[in-house]
């Protein structure tokens, strides 16, 4: 299991599959803050808040409003972190 699964900024659950694969699924709630880390040198992180969780049990997709006012529907990638316990 990746070390990031044990970090509070990367909350996740794991499920085992018969083939030996392990899937890590992110979970979030309305009001949680998110950070999307810049992918290239010099690019800045984007910060926002989850307005709506459209998946079952806290799973994506998420409706996110970034601090610059832009809203979008997101499926998190490896550059996505959740900070739990914040409110809108």
N, C-alpha and C. Protein backbone atom coordinates (compact mmCIF):
# COMPACT_ATOMS: atom_id res chain seq x y z
N UNK A 1 0.85 -1.17 0.00
CA UNK A 1 0.00 0.00 0.00
C UNK A 1 0.89 1.24 0.00
N UNK A 2 0.61 2.24 -0.85
CA UNK A 2 1.44 3.44 -0.86
C UNK A 2 1.42 4.14 0.49
N UNK A 3 2.55 4.76 0.82
CA UNK A 3 2.66 5.45 2.09
C UNK A 3 1.63 6.56 2.22
N UNK A 4 1.26 7.20 1.10
CA UNK A 4 0.32 8.32 1.13
C UNK A 4 -1.04 7.92 1.68
N UNK A 5 -1.37 6.65 1.67
CA UNK A 5 -2.65 6.19 2.21
C UNK A 5 -2.73 6.39 3.72
N UNK A 6 -1.58 6.53 4.36
CA UNK A 6 -1.55 6.69 5.80
C UNK A 6 -1.46 8.15 6.21
N UNK A 7 -1.40 9.04 5.25
CA UNK A 7 -1.27 10.47 5.50
C UNK A 7 -2.67 11.08 5.54
N UNK A 8 -2.94 11.95 6.51
CA UNK A 8 -4.27 12.55 6.67
C UNK A 8 -4.68 13.36 5.46
N UNK A 9 -3.73 13.88 4.68
CA UNK A 9 -4.08 14.66 3.50
C UNK A 9 -4.47 13.78 2.32
N UNK A 10 -4.23 12.49 2.42
CA UNK A 10 -4.57 11.58 1.35
C UNK A 10 -5.43 10.45 1.89
N UNK A 11 -6.65 10.78 2.37
CA UNK A 11 -7.50 9.73 2.92
C UNK A 11 -7.95 8.79 1.82
N UNK A 12 -7.95 7.52 2.10
CA UNK A 12 -8.38 6.58 1.08
C UNK A 12 -8.76 5.26 1.72
N UNK A 13 -9.40 4.45 0.94
CA UNK A 13 -9.72 3.09 1.34
C UNK A 13 -9.14 2.17 0.29
N UNK A 14 -8.87 0.95 0.67
CA UNK A 14 -8.34 0.00 -0.30
C UNK A 14 -9.28 -1.18 -0.42
N UNK A 15 -9.29 -1.75 -1.59
CA UNK A 15 -10.08 -2.95 -1.84
C UNK A 15 -9.16 -3.95 -2.53
N UNK A 16 -9.19 -5.19 -2.11
CA UNK A 16 -8.37 -6.20 -2.75
C UNK A 16 -9.17 -6.92 -3.83
N UNK A 17 -8.50 -7.23 -4.91
CA UNK A 17 -9.12 -7.94 -6.02
C UNK A 17 -8.43 -9.28 -6.18
N UNK A 18 -9.15 -10.30 -6.67
CA UNK A 18 -8.58 -11.64 -6.77
C UNK A 18 -7.27 -11.71 -7.55
N UNK A 19 -7.10 -10.85 -8.55
CA UNK A 19 -5.90 -10.89 -9.37
C UNK A 19 -4.69 -10.35 -8.62
N UNK A 20 -4.87 -9.90 -7.38
CA UNK A 20 -3.76 -9.35 -6.62
C UNK A 20 -3.61 -7.85 -6.76
N UNK A 21 -4.48 -7.23 -7.55
CA UNK A 21 -4.44 -5.79 -7.71
C UNK A 21 -5.04 -5.13 -6.49
N UNK A 22 -4.55 -3.97 -6.17
CA UNK A 22 -5.11 -3.20 -5.07
C UNK A 22 -5.51 -1.83 -5.61
N UNK A 23 -6.75 -1.43 -5.37
CA UNK A 23 -7.27 -0.15 -5.85
C UNK A 23 -7.40 0.78 -4.67
N UNK A 24 -6.91 2.00 -4.84
CA UNK A 24 -7.03 3.00 -3.79
C UNK A 24 -8.08 4.00 -4.23
N UNK A 25 -9.11 4.19 -3.42
CA UNK A 25 -10.20 5.09 -3.77
C UNK A 25 -10.27 6.24 -2.78
N UNK A 26 -10.30 7.45 -3.29
CA UNK A 26 -10.39 8.61 -2.43
C UNK A 26 -11.83 8.80 -1.96
N UNK A 27 -11.96 9.32 -0.74
CA UNK A 27 -13.28 9.65 -0.20
C UNK A 27 -13.24 11.08 0.30
N UNK A 28 -14.33 11.81 0.07
CA UNK A 28 -14.42 13.20 0.51
C UNK A 28 -15.86 13.52 0.87
N UNK A 29 -16.06 14.67 1.48
CA UNK A 29 -17.40 15.12 1.87
C UNK A 29 -17.58 16.57 1.47
N UNK A 30 -18.84 16.96 1.33
CA UNK A 30 -19.15 18.35 1.04
C UNK A 30 -18.50 19.24 2.10
N UNK A 31 -17.84 20.32 1.67
CA UNK A 31 -17.18 21.23 2.59
C UNK A 31 -15.71 20.96 2.78
N UNK A 32 -15.23 19.77 2.38
CA UNK A 32 -13.80 19.49 2.48
C UNK A 32 -13.03 20.41 1.54
N UNK A 33 -11.85 20.83 1.96
CA UNK A 33 -10.96 21.62 1.12
C UNK A 33 -10.12 20.66 0.28
N UNK A 34 -9.78 21.09 -0.93
CA UNK A 34 -8.95 20.27 -1.81
C UNK A 34 -7.75 21.08 -2.28
N UNK A 35 -6.70 20.35 -2.62
CA UNK A 35 -5.51 20.93 -3.23
C UNK A 35 -5.19 20.09 -4.45
N UNK A 36 -5.03 20.75 -5.59
CA UNK A 36 -4.55 20.08 -6.79
C UNK A 36 -3.14 20.60 -7.01
N UNK A 37 -2.16 19.73 -6.83
CA UNK A 37 -0.76 20.12 -6.92
C UNK A 37 -0.36 20.37 -8.38
N UNK A 38 0.46 21.41 -8.57
CA UNK A 38 0.98 21.71 -9.90
C UNK A 38 1.76 20.53 -10.46
N UNK A 39 1.60 20.28 -11.74
CA UNK A 39 2.23 19.11 -12.35
C UNK A 39 3.61 19.38 -12.92
N UNK A 40 3.94 20.63 -13.15
CA UNK A 40 5.24 20.94 -13.73
C UNK A 40 5.99 21.92 -12.83
N UNK A 41 7.29 21.99 -13.01
CA UNK A 41 8.11 22.90 -12.23
C UNK A 41 7.62 24.33 -12.48
N UNK A 42 7.40 25.05 -11.39
CA UNK A 42 6.96 26.44 -11.50
C UNK A 42 5.46 26.62 -11.51
N UNK A 43 4.68 25.55 -11.73
CA UNK A 43 3.23 25.71 -11.72
C UNK A 43 2.73 25.67 -10.28
N UNK A 44 1.76 26.50 -9.98
CA UNK A 44 1.29 26.61 -8.60
C UNK A 44 0.17 25.62 -8.30
N UNK A 45 -0.02 25.36 -7.02
CA UNK A 45 -1.13 24.51 -6.58
C UNK A 45 -2.43 25.28 -6.71
N UNK A 46 -3.53 24.55 -6.91
CA UNK A 46 -4.87 25.15 -6.93
C UNK A 46 -5.62 24.66 -5.70
N UNK A 47 -6.30 25.57 -5.03
CA UNK A 47 -7.03 25.27 -3.81
C UNK A 47 -8.51 25.54 -4.04
N UNK A 48 -9.36 24.72 -3.40
CA UNK A 48 -10.80 24.91 -3.53
C UNK A 48 -11.56 24.18 -2.46
N UNK A 49 -12.88 24.16 -2.64
CA UNK A 49 -13.77 23.49 -1.69
C UNK A 49 -14.72 22.58 -2.48
N UNK A 50 -15.04 21.43 -1.90
CA UNK A 50 -15.99 20.51 -2.52
C UNK A 50 -17.39 20.98 -2.19
N UNK A 51 -18.15 21.32 -3.23
CA UNK A 51 -19.52 21.78 -3.07
C UNK A 51 -20.51 20.63 -3.04
N UNK A 52 -20.19 19.57 -3.79
CA UNK A 52 -21.11 18.44 -3.92
C UNK A 52 -20.32 17.17 -4.22
N UNK A 53 -20.72 16.09 -3.58
CA UNK A 53 -20.15 14.76 -3.85
C UNK A 53 -21.21 14.00 -4.63
N UNK A 54 -20.89 13.64 -5.86
CA UNK A 54 -21.89 12.96 -6.71
C UNK A 54 -21.75 11.44 -6.70
N UNK A 55 -20.67 10.93 -6.16
CA UNK A 55 -20.47 9.49 -6.08
C UNK A 55 -21.04 8.94 -4.79
N UNK A 56 -21.19 7.63 -4.73
CA UNK A 56 -21.71 6.96 -3.55
C UNK A 56 -20.64 6.86 -2.47
N UNK A 57 -21.01 7.12 -1.23
CA UNK A 57 -20.10 6.92 -0.10
C UNK A 57 -18.88 7.83 -0.11
N UNK A 58 -19.02 9.03 -0.64
CA UNK A 58 -17.91 9.97 -0.65
C UNK A 58 -16.96 9.84 -1.82
N UNK A 59 -17.32 8.98 -2.77
CA UNK A 59 -16.46 8.77 -3.93
C UNK A 59 -16.79 9.77 -5.03
N UNK A 60 -15.83 10.02 -5.94
CA UNK A 60 -16.04 10.99 -7.02
C UNK A 60 -17.13 10.54 -7.98
N UNK A 61 -17.59 11.50 -8.79
CA UNK A 61 -17.03 12.82 -9.05
C UNK A 61 -17.42 13.85 -7.99
N UNK A 62 -16.62 14.94 -7.93
CA UNK A 62 -16.85 16.03 -7.00
C UNK A 62 -17.09 17.32 -7.77
N UNK A 63 -18.05 18.12 -7.31
CA UNK A 63 -18.21 19.47 -7.83
C UNK A 63 -17.35 20.36 -6.94
N UNK A 64 -16.40 21.06 -7.55
CA UNK A 64 -15.41 21.84 -6.81
C UNK A 64 -15.48 23.31 -7.23
N UNK A 65 -15.39 24.21 -6.24
CA UNK A 65 -15.21 25.64 -6.52
C UNK A 65 -13.81 26.01 -6.07
N UNK A 66 -12.98 26.42 -7.03
CA UNK A 66 -11.63 26.84 -6.71
C UNK A 66 -11.65 28.24 -6.12
N UNK A 67 -10.59 28.59 -5.42
CA UNK A 67 -10.51 29.88 -4.75
C UNK A 67 -10.60 31.05 -5.72
N UNK A 68 -10.31 30.83 -7.00
CA UNK A 68 -10.43 31.90 -8.00
C UNK A 68 -11.86 32.03 -8.53
N UNK A 69 -12.81 31.21 -7.99
CA UNK A 69 -14.21 31.27 -8.39
C UNK A 69 -14.62 30.27 -9.45
N UNK A 70 -13.66 29.64 -10.12
CA UNK A 70 -13.96 28.65 -11.16
C UNK A 70 -14.59 27.41 -10.53
N UNK A 71 -15.69 26.90 -11.13
CA UNK A 71 -16.32 25.66 -10.66
C UNK A 71 -16.21 24.61 -11.74
N UNK A 72 -16.02 23.35 -11.31
CA UNK A 72 -15.89 22.25 -12.25
C UNK A 72 -16.27 20.94 -11.57
N UNK A 73 -16.51 19.92 -12.38
CA UNK A 73 -16.72 18.55 -11.88
C UNK A 73 -15.39 17.83 -12.04
N UNK A 74 -14.91 17.19 -10.97
CA UNK A 74 -13.59 16.56 -10.99
C UNK A 74 -13.61 15.11 -10.56
N UNK A 75 -12.76 14.33 -11.19
CA UNK A 75 -12.37 13.01 -10.73
C UNK A 75 -10.92 13.16 -10.29
N UNK A 76 -10.59 12.89 -9.02
CA UNK A 76 -9.23 13.15 -8.55
C UNK A 76 -8.19 12.24 -9.18
N UNK A 77 -7.00 12.80 -9.34
CA UNK A 77 -5.85 12.05 -9.82
C UNK A 77 -4.80 12.01 -8.73
N UNK A 78 -3.61 11.63 -9.08
CA UNK A 78 -2.53 11.53 -8.12
C UNK A 78 -2.05 12.87 -7.58
N UNK A 79 -2.47 13.95 -8.23
CA UNK A 79 -2.06 15.28 -7.81
C UNK A 79 -3.11 15.96 -6.91
N UNK A 80 -4.09 15.21 -6.43
CA UNK A 80 -5.26 15.72 -5.71
C UNK A 80 -5.17 15.31 -4.24
N UNK A 81 -5.35 16.27 -3.32
CA UNK A 81 -5.35 15.97 -1.90
C UNK A 81 -6.59 16.58 -1.24
N UNK A 82 -7.11 15.92 -0.22
CA UNK A 82 -8.30 16.37 0.49
C UNK A 82 -7.92 16.72 1.93
N UNK A 83 -8.41 17.85 2.40
CA UNK A 83 -8.26 18.26 3.79
C UNK A 83 -9.64 18.17 4.42
N UNK A 84 -9.88 17.16 5.24
CA UNK A 84 -11.20 16.92 5.83
C UNK A 84 -11.54 17.92 6.93
N UNK A 85 -12.84 18.07 7.15
CA UNK A 85 -13.32 18.81 8.31
C UNK A 85 -13.48 20.29 8.13
N UNK A 86 -13.43 20.78 6.92
CA UNK A 86 -13.63 22.20 6.67
C UNK A 86 -15.06 22.44 6.23
N UNK A 87 -15.54 23.64 6.38
CA UNK A 87 -16.90 23.95 5.93
C UNK A 87 -16.85 25.02 4.87
N UNK A 88 -17.92 25.07 4.05
CA UNK A 88 -18.00 26.05 2.97
C UNK A 88 -18.27 27.42 3.48
